[in-house]
Amino acid sequence: MAPLDATTHVLCNSHDKGALVRKYCEVGCIACQICKKQVPEAYAIENFLATVVYEHYDKASAAVEKCPTKCIRDFIDGYPEGSSFAETTVPLRKEGEAA
């Protein structure tokens, strides 16, 4: 669970490999590990998904600009109303399609 004062978050929950994420989503985490290379103590990569290590969340914002898909966001100025981040249309998987 994220601390109330944490402002940097990875806005993705897909555990698919990067190529499949890119096929279905323009803003999903592709587990490129750029965030972890930028701030090793602030990010963990597990099951093809980056997550903020909230024990070190104060350092996590350093990787926001480096994220190629922009799924890491810093809400230092507060959280937006509505879901402007999710405006990208993501096609649903067809039944029987591999994950």
PDB file of N, CA and C in Angstrom:
ATOM      1  N   MET A   1       0.839  -1.164   0.000  1.00  0.00           N
ATOM      2  CA  MET A   1       0.000   0.000   0.000  1.00  0.00           C
ATOM      3  C   MET A   1       0.892   1.238   0.000  1.00  0.00           C
ATOM      4  N   ALA A   2       0.471   2.249  -0.727  1.00  0.00           N
ATOM      5  CA  ALA A   2       1.268   3.472  -0.853  1.00  0.00           C
ATOM      6  C   ALA A   2       1.000   4.425   0.309  1.00  0.00           C
ATOM      7  N   PRO A   3       2.042   5.072   0.815  1.00  0.00           N
ATOM      8  CA  PRO A   3       1.846   6.082   1.858  1.00  0.00           C
ATOM      9  C   PRO A   3       1.030   7.258   1.308  1.00  0.00           C
ATOM     10  N   LEU A   4       0.290   7.923   2.162  1.00  0.00           N
ATOM     11  CA  LEU A   4      -0.539   9.041   1.728  1.00  0.00           C
ATOM     12  C   LEU A   4       0.263  10.166   1.103  1.00  0.00           C
ATOM     13  N   ASP A   5       1.478  10.378   1.553  1.00  0.00           N
ATOM     14  CA  ASP A   5       2.260  11.484   1.013  1.00  0.00           C
ATOM     15  C   ASP A   5       3.152  11.088  -0.168  1.00  0.00           C
ATOM     16  N   ALA A   6       3.060   9.850  -0.628  1.00  0.00           N
ATOM     17  CA  ALA A   6       3.810   9.430  -1.814  1.00  0.00           C
ATOM     18  C   ALA A   6       3.136  10.018  -3.047  1.00  0.00           C
ATOM     19  N   THR A   7       3.901  10.656  -3.905  1.00  0.00           N
ATOM     20  CA  THR A   7       3.316  11.295  -5.083  1.00  0.00           C
ATOM     21  C   THR A   7       3.711  10.619  -6.386  1.00  0.00           C
ATOM     22  N   THR A   8       4.682   9.729  -6.376  1.00  0.00           N
ATOM     23  CA  THR A   8       5.127   9.050  -7.590  1.00  0.00           C
ATOM     24  C   THR A   8       4.586   7.627  -7.599  1.00  0.00           C
ATOM     25  N   HIS A   9       3.951   7.271  -8.722  1.00  0.00           N
ATOM     26  CA  HIS A   9       3.328   5.949  -8.834  1.00  0.00           C
ATOM     27  C   HIS A   9       3.517   5.390 -10.239  1.00  0.00           C
ATOM     28  N   VAL A  10       3.560   4.071 -10.357  1.00  0.00           N
ATOM     29  CA  VAL A  10       3.541   3.396 -11.648  1.00  0.00           C
ATOM     30  C   VAL A  10       2.074   3.107 -11.938  1.00  0.00           C
ATOM     31  N   LEU A  11       1.548   3.719 -12.986  1.00  0.00           N
ATOM     32  CA  LEU A  11       0.123   3.593 -13.287  1.00  0.00           C
ATOM     33  C   LEU A  11      -0.117   2.473 -14.290  1.00  0.00           C
ATOM     34  N   CYS A  12       0.252   1.296 -13.913  1.00  0.00           N
ATOM     35  CA  CYS A  12       0.058   0.111 -14.741  1.00  0.00           C
ATOM     36  C   CYS A  12      -0.007  -1.087 -13.806  1.00  0.00           C
ATOM     37  N   ASN A  13      -0.756  -2.094 -14.198  1.00  0.00           N
ATOM     38  CA  ASN A  13      -0.767  -3.319 -13.403  1.00  0.00           C
ATOM     39  C   ASN A  13      -0.646  -4.567 -14.270  1.00  0.00           C
ATOM     40  N   SER A  14      -0.189  -4.395 -15.512  1.00  0.00           N
ATOM     41  CA  SER A  14      -0.029  -5.522 -16.419  1.00  0.00           C
ATOM     42  C   SER A  14       1.244  -6.299 -16.097  1.00  0.00           C
ATOM     43  N   HIS A  15       1.135  -7.610 -16.094  1.00  0.00           N
ATOM     44  CA  HIS A  15       2.297  -8.471 -15.892  1.00  0.00           C
ATOM     45  C   HIS A  15       2.700  -9.152 -17.198  1.00  0.00           C
ATOM     46  N   ASP A  16       2.216  -8.615 -18.313  1.00  0.00           N
ATOM     47  CA  ASP A  16       2.580  -9.158 -19.620  1.00  0.00           C
ATOM     48  C   ASP A  16       3.977  -8.683 -20.009  1.00  0.00           C
ATOM     49  N   LYS A  17       4.604  -9.404 -20.920  1.00  0.00           N
ATOM     50  CA  LYS A  17       5.915  -9.001 -21.425  1.00  0.00           C
ATOM     51  C   LYS A  17       5.768  -7.718 -22.244  1.00  0.00           C
ATOM     52  N   GLY A  18       6.869  -6.983 -22.354  1.00  0.00           N
ATOM     53  CA  GLY A  18       6.857  -5.674 -22.995  1.00  0.00           C
ATOM     54  C   GLY A  18       6.239  -5.635 -24.379  1.00  0.00           C
ATOM     55  N   ALA A  19       6.553  -6.603 -25.240  1.00  0.00           N
ATOM     56  CA  ALA A  19       6.020  -6.605 -26.605  1.00  0.00           C
ATOM     57  C   ALA A  19       4.499  -6.707 -26.608  1.00  0.00           C
ATOM     58  N   LEU A  20       3.954  -7.521 -25.743  1.00  0.00           N
ATOM     59  CA  LEU A  20       2.505  -7.668 -25.672  1.00  0.00           C
ATOM     60  C   LEU A  20       1.855  -6.421 -25.080  1.00  0.00           C
ATOM     61  N   VAL A  21       2.491  -5.831 -24.088  1.00  0.00           N
ATOM     62  CA  VAL A  21       1.968  -4.587 -23.512  1.00  0.00           C
ATOM     63  C   VAL A  21       1.907  -3.520 -24.592  1.00  0.00           C
ATOM     64  N   ARG A  22       2.971  -3.365 -25.360  1.00  0.00           N
ATOM     65  CA  ARG A  22       2.996  -2.353 -26.428  1.00  0.00           C
ATOM     66  C   ARG A  22       1.921  -2.613 -27.478  1.00  0.00           C
ATOM     67  N   LYS A  23       1.617  -3.873 -27.732  1.00  0.00           N
ATOM     68  CA  LYS A  23       0.595  -4.222 -28.726  1.00  0.00           C
ATOM     69  C   LYS A  23      -0.773  -3.701 -28.311  1.00  0.00           C
ATOM     70  N   TYR A  24      -1.063  -3.736 -27.020  1.00  0.00           N
ATOM     71  CA  TYR A  24      -2.391  -3.384 -26.536  1.00  0.00           C
ATOM     72  C   TYR A  24      -2.483  -2.042 -25.824  1.00  0.00           C
ATOM     73  N   CYS A  25      -1.360  -1.455 -25.449  1.00  0.00           N
ATOM     74  CA  CYS A  25      -1.427  -0.245 -24.628  1.00  0.00           C
ATOM     75  C   CYS A  25      -0.243   0.673 -24.924  1.00  0.00           C
ATOM     76  N   GLU A  26      -0.513   1.930 -25.154  1.00  0.00           N
ATOM     77  CA  GLU A  26       0.553   2.893 -25.432  1.00  0.00           C
ATOM     78  C   GLU A  26       1.226   3.390 -24.161  1.00  0.00           C
ATOM     79  N   VAL A  27       0.603   3.198 -23.024  1.00  0.00           N
ATOM     80  CA  VAL A  27       1.109   3.775 -21.776  1.00  0.00           C
ATOM     81  C   VAL A  27       1.387   2.730 -20.694  1.00  0.00           C
ATOM     82  N   GLY A  28       1.518   1.472 -21.078  1.00  0.00           N
ATOM     83  CA  GLY A  28       1.757   0.415 -20.102  1.00  0.00           C
ATOM     84  C   GLY A  28       3.230   0.214 -19.815  1.00  0.00           C
ATOM     85  N   CYS A  29       3.518  -0.358 -18.673  1.00  0.00           N
ATOM     86  CA  CYS A  29       4.893  -0.658 -18.281  1.00  0.00           C
ATOM     87  C   CYS A  29       5.422  -1.810 -19.131  1.00  0.00           C
ATOM     88  N   ILE A  30       6.589  -1.595 -19.740  1.00  0.00           N
ATOM     89  CA  ILE A  30       7.204  -2.621 -20.581  1.00  0.00           C
ATOM     90  C   ILE A  30       8.406  -3.272 -19.892  1.00  0.00           C
ATOM     91  N   ALA A  31       8.571  -3.005 -18.620  1.00  0.00           N
ATOM     92  CA  ALA A  31       9.652  -3.585 -17.805  1.00  0.00           C
ATOM     93  C   ALA A  31      11.026  -3.351 -18.420  1.00  0.00           C
ATOM     94  N   CYS A  32      11.233  -2.152 -18.949  1.00  0.00           N
ATOM     95  CA  CYS A  32      12.510  -1.820 -19.590  1.00  0.00           C
ATOM     96  C   CYS A  32      13.630  -1.619 -18.571  1.00  0.00           C
ATOM     97  N   GLN A  33      13.278  -1.411 -17.323  1.00  0.00           N
ATOM     98  CA  GLN A  33      14.199  -1.247 -16.197  1.00  0.00           C
ATOM     99  C   GLN A  33      14.944   0.084 -16.189  1.00  0.00           C
ATOM    100  N   ILE A  34      14.536   1.031 -17.015  1.00  0.00           N
ATOM    101  CA  ILE A  34      15.171   2.347 -17.002  1.00  0.00           C
ATOM    102  C   ILE A  34      14.972   3.014 -15.644  1.00  0.00           C
ATOM    103  N   CYS A  35      13.793   2.883 -15.069  1.00  0.00           N
ATOM    104  CA  CYS A  35      13.529   3.487 -13.756  1.00  0.00           C
ATOM    105  C   CYS A  35      14.454   2.896 -12.696  1.00  0.00           C
ATOM    106  N   LYS A  36      14.622   1.589 -12.737  1.00  0.00           N
ATOM    107  CA  LYS A  36      15.479   0.910 -11.754  1.00  0.00           C
ATOM    108  C   LYS A  36      16.944   1.287 -11.939  1.00  0.00           C
ATOM    109  N   LYS A  37      17.368   1.482 -13.176  1.00  0.00           N
ATOM    110  CA  LYS A  37      18.745   1.914 -13.429  1.00  0.00           C
ATOM    111  C   LYS A  37      18.954   3.354 -12.958  1.00  0.00           C
ATOM    112  N   GLN A  38      17.923   4.175 -13.099  1.00  0.00           N
ATOM    113  CA  GLN A  38      17.998   5.571 -12.690  1.00  0.00           C
ATOM    114  C   GLN A  38      18.043   5.706 -11.166  1.00  0.00           C
ATOM    115  N   VAL A  39      17.148   4.987 -10.479  1.00  0.00           N
ATOM    116  CA  VAL A  39      17.049   5.062  -9.014  1.00  0.00           C
ATOM    117  C   VAL A  39      16.865   3.634  -8.479  1.00  0.00           C
ATOM    118  N   PRO A  40      17.939   2.859  -8.362  1.00  0.00           N
ATOM    119  CA  PRO A  40      17.831   1.438  -8.006  1.00  0.00           C
ATOM    120  C   PRO A  40      17.071   1.147  -6.718  1.00  0.00           C
ATOM    121  N   GLU A  41      17.222   1.985  -5.715  1.00  0.00           N
ATOM    122  CA  GLU A  41      16.561   1.715  -4.439  1.00  0.00           C
ATOM    123  C   GLU A  41      15.075   2.067  -4.446  1.00  0.00           C
ATOM    124  N   ALA A  42      14.615   2.827  -5.430  1.00  0.00           N
ATOM    125  CA  ALA A  42      13.226   3.293  -5.432  1.00  0.00           C
ATOM    126  C   ALA A  42      12.289   2.459  -6.299  1.00  0.00           C
ATOM    127  N   TYR A  43      12.831   1.532  -7.092  1.00  0.00           N
ATOM    128  CA  TYR A  43      11.991   0.728  -7.983  1.00  0.00           C
ATOM    129  C   TYR A  43      12.358  -0.745  -7.896  1.00  0.00           C
ATOM    130  N   ALA A  44      11.352  -1.581  -8.078  1.00  0.00           N
ATOM    131  CA  ALA A  44      11.545  -3.026  -8.180  1.00  0.00           C
ATOM    132  C   ALA A  44      10.843  -3.477  -9.456  1.00  0.00           C
ATOM    133  N   ILE A  45      11.402  -4.471 -10.117  1.00  0.00           N
ATOM    134  CA  ILE A  45      10.784  -5.046 -11.310  1.00  0.00           C
ATOM    135  C   ILE A  45      10.476  -6.498 -10.976  1.00  0.00           C
ATOM    136  N   GLU A  46       9.201  -6.840 -10.986  1.00  0.00           N
ATOM    137  CA  GLU A  46       8.780  -8.219 -10.731  1.00  0.00           C
ATOM    138  C   GLU A  46       7.693  -8.593 -11.714  1.00  0.00           C
ATOM    139  N   ASN A  47       7.817  -9.758 -12.304  1.00  0.00           N
ATOM    140  CA  ASN A  47       6.811 -10.253 -13.244  1.00  0.00           C
ATOM    141  C   ASN A  47       6.506  -9.228 -14.329  1.00  0.00           C
ATOM    142  N   PHE A  48       7.553  -8.651 -14.902  1.00  0.00           N
ATOM    143  CA  PHE A  48       7.455  -7.709 -16.018  1.00  0.00           C
ATOM    144  C   PHE A  48       6.744  -6.407 -15.668  1.00  0.00           C
ATOM    145  N   LEU A  49       6.772  -6.010 -14.410  1.00  0.00           N
ATOM    146  CA  LEU A  49       6.112  -4.775 -13.988  1.00  0.00           C
ATOM    147  C   LEU A  49       6.976  -4.022 -12.984  1.00  0.00           C
ATOM    148  N   ALA A  50       7.185  -2.741 -13.258  1.00  0.00           N
ATOM    149  CA  ALA A  50       7.902  -1.886 -12.312  1.00  0.00           C
ATOM    150  C   ALA A  50       6.951  -1.452 -11.205  1.00  0.00           C
ATOM    151  N   THR A  51       7.467  -1.379  -9.993  1.00  0.00           N
ATOM    152  CA  THR A  51       6.696  -0.851  -8.867  1.00  0.00           C
ATOM    153  C   THR A  51       7.596   0.064  -8.049  1.00  0.00           C
ATOM    154  N   VAL A  52       6.978   1.039  -7.408  1.00  0.00           N
ATOM    155  CA  VAL A  52       7.722   1.932  -6.533  1.00  0.00           C
ATOM    156  C   VAL A  52       7.959   1.210  -5.214  1.00  0.00           C
ATOM    157  N   VAL A  53       9.183   1.246  -4.728  1.00  0.00           N
ATOM    158  CA  VAL A  53       9.504   0.727  -3.398  1.00  0.00           C
ATOM    159  C   VAL A  53       9.212   1.887  -2.453  1.00  0.00           C
ATOM    160  N   TYR A  54       8.070   1.836  -1.802  1.00  0.00           N
ATOM    161  CA  TYR A  54       7.591   2.993  -1.053  1.00  0.00           C
ATOM    162  C   TYR A  54       8.430   3.337   0.172  1.00  0.00           C
ATOM    163  N   GLU A  55       9.324   2.463   0.585  1.00  0.00           N
ATOM    164  CA  GLU A  55      10.255   2.825   1.653  1.00  0.00           C
ATOM    165  C   GLU A  55      11.222   3.914   1.179  1.00  0.00           C
ATOM    166  N   HIS A  56      11.362   4.045  -0.150  1.00  0.00           N
ATOM    167  CA  HIS A  56      12.263   5.040  -0.744  1.00  0.00           C
ATOM    168  C   HIS A  56      11.514   5.921  -1.744  1.00  0.00           C
ATOM    169  N   TYR A  57      10.224   6.131  -1.535  1.00  0.00           N
ATOM    170  CA  TYR A  57       9.415   6.864  -2.507  1.00  0.00           C
ATOM    171  C   TYR A  57       9.863   8.300  -2.711  1.00  0.00           C
ATOM    172  N   ASP A  58      10.565   8.863  -1.744  1.00  0.00           N
ATOM    173  CA  ASP A  58      11.023  10.247  -1.877  1.00  0.00           C
ATOM    174  C   ASP A  58      12.034  10.405  -3.018  1.00  0.00           C
ATOM    175  N   LYS A  59      12.658   9.320  -3.457  1.00  0.00           N
ATOM    176  CA  LYS A  59      13.637   9.362  -4.549  1.00  0.00           C
ATOM    177  C   LYS A  59      13.035   8.954  -5.892  1.00  0.00           C
ATOM    178  N   ALA A  60      11.830   8.412  -5.887  1.00  0.00           N
ATOM    179  CA  ALA A  60      11.238   7.815  -7.083  1.00  0.00           C
ATOM    180  C   ALA A  60      10.979   8.807  -8.207  1.00  0.00           C
ATOM    181  N   SER A  61      10.737  10.057  -7.889  1.00  0.00           N
ATOM    182  CA  SER A  61      10.389  11.032  -8.929  1.00  0.00           C
ATOM    183  C   SER A  61      11.528  11.279  -9.913  1.00  0.00           C
ATOM    184  N   ALA A  62      12.747  10.923  -9.552  1.00  0.00           N
ATOM    185  CA  ALA A  62      13.894  11.130 -10.445  1.00  0.00           C
ATOM    186  C   ALA A  62      13.775  10.337 -11.746  1.00  0.00           C
ATOM    187  N   ALA A  63      12.973   9.298 -11.782  1.00  0.00           N
ATOM    188  CA  ALA A  63      12.843   8.458 -12.974  1.00  0.00           C
ATOM    189  C   ALA A  63      11.635   8.803 -13.834  1.00  0.00           C
ATOM    190  N   VAL A  64      10.799   9.709 -13.397  1.00  0.00           N
ATOM    191  CA  VAL A  64       9.556  10.018 -14.120  1.00  0.00           C
ATOM    192  C   VAL A  64       9.833  10.420 -15.563  1.00  0.00           C
ATOM    193  N   GLU A  65      10.744  11.325 -15.784  1.00  0.00           N
ATOM    194  CA  GLU A  65      11.027  11.822 -17.136  1.00  0.00           C
ATOM    195  C   GLU A  65      11.685  10.778 -18.027  1.00  0.00           C
ATOM    196  N   LYS A  66      12.319   9.782 -17.447  1.00  0.00           N
ATOM    197  CA  LYS A  66      13.028   8.758 -18.221  1.00  0.00           C
ATOM    198  C   LYS A  66      12.116   7.643 -18.723  1.00  0.00           C
ATOM    199  N   CYS A  67      10.939   7.491 -18.146  1.00  0.00           N
ATOM    200  CA  CYS A  67      10.039   6.393 -18.516  1.00  0.00           C
ATOM    201  C   CYS A  67       9.586   6.551 -19.973  1.00  0.00           C
ATOM    202  N   PRO A  68       9.898   5.570 -20.843  1.00  0.00           N
ATOM    203  CA  PRO A  68       9.563   5.715 -22.264  1.00  0.00           C
ATOM    204  C   PRO A  68       8.067   5.682 -22.562  1.00  0.00           C
ATOM    205  N   THR A  69       7.282   5.036 -21.728  1.00  0.00           N
ATOM    206  CA  THR A  69       5.835   4.983 -21.974  1.00  0.00           C
ATOM    207  C   THR A  69       5.062   5.965 -21.105  1.00  0.00           C
ATOM    208  N   LYS A  70       5.762   6.645 -20.218  1.00  0.00           N
ATOM    209  CA  LYS A  70       5.160   7.638 -19.312  1.00  0.00           C
ATOM    210  C   LYS A  70       4.135   7.016 -18.367  1.00  0.00           C
ATOM    211  N   CYS A  71       4.335   5.747 -18.006  1.00  0.00           N
ATOM    212  CA  CYS A  71       3.425   5.125 -17.042  1.00  0.00           C
ATOM    213  C   CYS A  71       3.816   5.457 -15.608  1.00  0.00           C
ATOM    214  N   ILE A  72       4.996   6.034 -15.418  1.00  0.00           N
ATOM    215  CA  ILE A  72       5.382   6.510 -14.089  1.00  0.00           C
ATOM    216  C   ILE A  72       5.008   7.980 -14.029  1.00  0.00           C
ATOM    217  N   ARG A  73       4.194   8.326 -13.073  1.00  0.00           N
ATOM    218  CA  ARG A  73       3.717   9.706 -12.953  1.00  0.00           C
ATOM    219  C   ARG A  73       4.005  10.241 -11.565  1.00  0.00           C
ATOM    220  N   ASP A  74       4.260  11.534 -11.518  1.00  0.00           N
ATOM    221  CA  ASP A  74       4.481  12.224 -10.249  1.00  0.00           C
ATOM    222  C   ASP A  74       3.362  13.236 -10.070  1.00  0.00           C
ATOM    223  N   PHE A  75       2.592  13.067  -9.036  1.00  0.00           N
ATOM    224  CA  PHE A  75       1.453  13.935  -8.761  1.00  0.00           C
ATOM    225  C   PHE A  75       1.800  14.923  -7.654  1.00  0.00           C
ATOM    226  N   ILE A  76       2.941  15.579  -7.793  1.00  0.00           N
ATOM    227  CA  ILE A  76       3.420  16.513  -6.782  1.00  0.00           C
ATOM    228  C   ILE A  76       2.445  17.682  -6.604  1.00  0.00           C
ATOM    229  N   ASP A  77       1.730  18.038  -7.661  1.00  0.00           N
ATOM    230  CA  ASP A  77       0.767  19.139  -7.602  1.00  0.00           C
ATOM    231  C   ASP A  77      -0.647  18.661  -7.302  1.00  0.00           C
ATOM    232  N   GLY A  78      -0.789  17.430  -6.881  1.00  0.00           N
ATOM    233  CA  GLY A  78      -2.101  16.875  -6.563  1.00  0.00           C
ATOM    234  C   GLY A  78      -2.558  15.907  -7.635  1.00  0.00           C
ATOM    235  N   TYR A  79      -3.612  15.212  -7.341  1.00  0.00           N
ATOM    236  CA  TYR A  79      -4.143  14.212  -8.253  1.00  0.00           C
ATOM    237  C   TYR A  79      -5.218  14.829  -9.139  1.00  0.00           C
ATOM    238  N   PRO A  80      -5.253  14.459 -10.430  1.00  0.00           N
ATOM    239  CA  PRO A  80      -6.234  15.044 -11.344  1.00  0.00           C
ATOM    240  C   PRO A  80      -7.640  14.525 -11.081  1.00  0.00           C
ATOM    241  N   GLU A  81      -8.610  15.332 -11.429  1.00  0.00           N
ATOM    242  CA  GLU A  81     -10.001  14.894 -11.369  1.00  0.00           C
ATOM    243  C   GLU A  81     -10.265  14.033 -12.597  1.00  0.00           C
ATOM    244  N   GLY A  82     -11.044  13.006 -12.451  1.00  0.00           N
ATOM    245  CA  GLY A  82     -11.329  12.128 -13.579  1.00  0.00           C
ATOM    246  C   GLY A  82     -10.136  11.251 -13.899  1.00  0.00           C
ATOM    247  N   SER A  83     -10.115  10.723 -15.086  1.00  0.00           N
ATOM    248  CA  SER A  83      -9.023   9.822 -15.454  1.00  0.00           C
ATOM    249  C   SER A  83      -8.389  10.263 -16.766  1.00  0.00           C
ATOM    250  N   SER A  84      -7.793  11.422 -16.801  1.00  0.00           N
ATOM    251  CA  SER A  84      -7.173  11.934 -18.017  1.00  0.00           C
ATOM    252  C   SER A  84      -6.046  11.032 -18.503  1.00  0.00           C
ATOM    253  N   PHE A  85      -5.409  10.305 -17.596  1.00  0.00           N
ATOM    254  CA  PHE A  85      -4.321   9.408 -17.973  1.00  0.00           C
ATOM    255  C   PHE A  85      -4.829   8.264 -18.837  1.00  0.00           C
ATOM    256  N   ALA A  86      -6.035   7.822 -18.602  1.00  0.00           N
ATOM    257  CA  ALA A  86      -6.573   6.651 -19.290  1.00  0.00           C
ATOM    258  C   ALA A  86      -7.334   7.010 -20.559  1.00  0.00           C
ATOM    259  N   GLU A  87      -7.047   8.157 -21.152  1.00  0.00           N
ATOM    260  CA  GLU A  87      -7.749   8.552 -22.369  1.00  0.00           C
ATOM    261  C   GLU A  87      -7.342   7.713 -23.569  1.00  0.00           C
ATOM    262  N   THR A  88      -6.183   7.079 -23.513  1.00  0.00           N
ATOM    263  CA  THR A  88      -5.740   6.229 -24.609  1.00  0.00           C
ATOM    264  C   THR A  88      -6.642   4.998 -24.661  1.00  0.00           C
ATOM    265  N   THR A  89      -7.210   4.760 -25.818  1.00  0.00           N
ATOM    266  CA  THR A  89      -8.085   3.600 -25.977  1.00  0.00           C
ATOM    267  C   THR A  89      -7.240   2.342 -26.076  1.00  0.00           C
ATOM    268  N   VAL A  90      -7.572   1.379 -25.282  1.00  0.00           N
ATOM    269  CA  VAL A  90      -6.839   0.124 -25.246  1.00  0.00           C
ATOM    270  C   VAL A  90      -7.775  -0.980 -25.717  1.00  0.00           C
ATOM    271  N   PRO A  91      -7.452  -1.636 -26.843  1.00  0.00           N
ATOM    272  CA  PRO A  91      -8.323  -2.718 -27.299  1.00  0.00           C
ATOM    273  C   PRO A  91      -8.281  -3.890 -26.331  1.00  0.00           C
ATOM    274  N   LEU A  92      -9.399  -4.532 -26.155  1.00  0.00           N
ATOM    275  CA  LEU A  92      -9.471  -5.702 -25.287  1.00  0.00           C
ATOM    276  C   LEU A  92      -8.916  -6.913 -26.016  1.00  0.00           C
ATOM    277  N   ARG A  93      -8.380  -7.842 -25.266  1.00  0.00           N
ATOM    278  CA  ARG A  93      -7.914  -9.092 -25.861  1.00  0.00           C
ATOM    279  C   ARG A  93      -9.102  -9.878 -26.373  1.00  0.00           C
ATOM    280  N   LYS A  94      -8.873 -10.569 -27.463  1.00  0.00           N
ATOM    281  CA  LYS A  94      -9.904 -11.448 -27.995  1.00  0.00           C
ATOM    282  C   LYS A  94      -9.883 -12.744 -27.207  1.00  0.00           C
ATOM    283  N   GLU A  95     -11.032 -13.359 -27.090  1.00  0.00           N
ATOM    284  CA  GLU A  95     -11.126 -14.601 -26.332  1.00  0.00           C
ATOM    285  C   GLU A  95     -10.171 -15.639 -26.907  1.00  0.00           C
ATOM    286  N   GLY A  96      -9.420 -16.274 -26.048  1.00  0.00           N
ATOM    287  CA  GLY A  96      -8.481 -17.304 -26.457  1.00  0.00           C
ATOM    288  C   GLY A  96      -7.110 -16.785 -26.843  1.00  0.00           C
ATOM    289  N   GLU A  97      -6.946 -15.450 -26.887  1.00  0.00           N
ATOM    290  CA  GLU A  97      -5.646 -14.879 -27.239  1.00  0.00           C
ATOM    291  C   GLU A  97      -4.695 -15.009 -26.060  1.00  0.00           C
ATOM    292  N   ALA A  98      -3.477 -15.383 -26.341  1.00  0.00           N
ATOM    293  CA  ALA A  98      -2.487 -15.602 -25.280  1.00  0.00           C
ATOM    294  C   ALA A  98      -2.123 -14.309 -24.584  1.00  0.00           C
ATOM    295  N   ALA A  99      -1.828 -14.427 -23.307  1.00  0.00           N
ATOM    296  CA  ALA A  99      -1.382 -13.264 -22.524  1.00  0.00           C
ATOM    297  C   ALA A  99       0.099 -13.078 -22.677  1.00  0.00           C
TER     298      ALA A  99
END
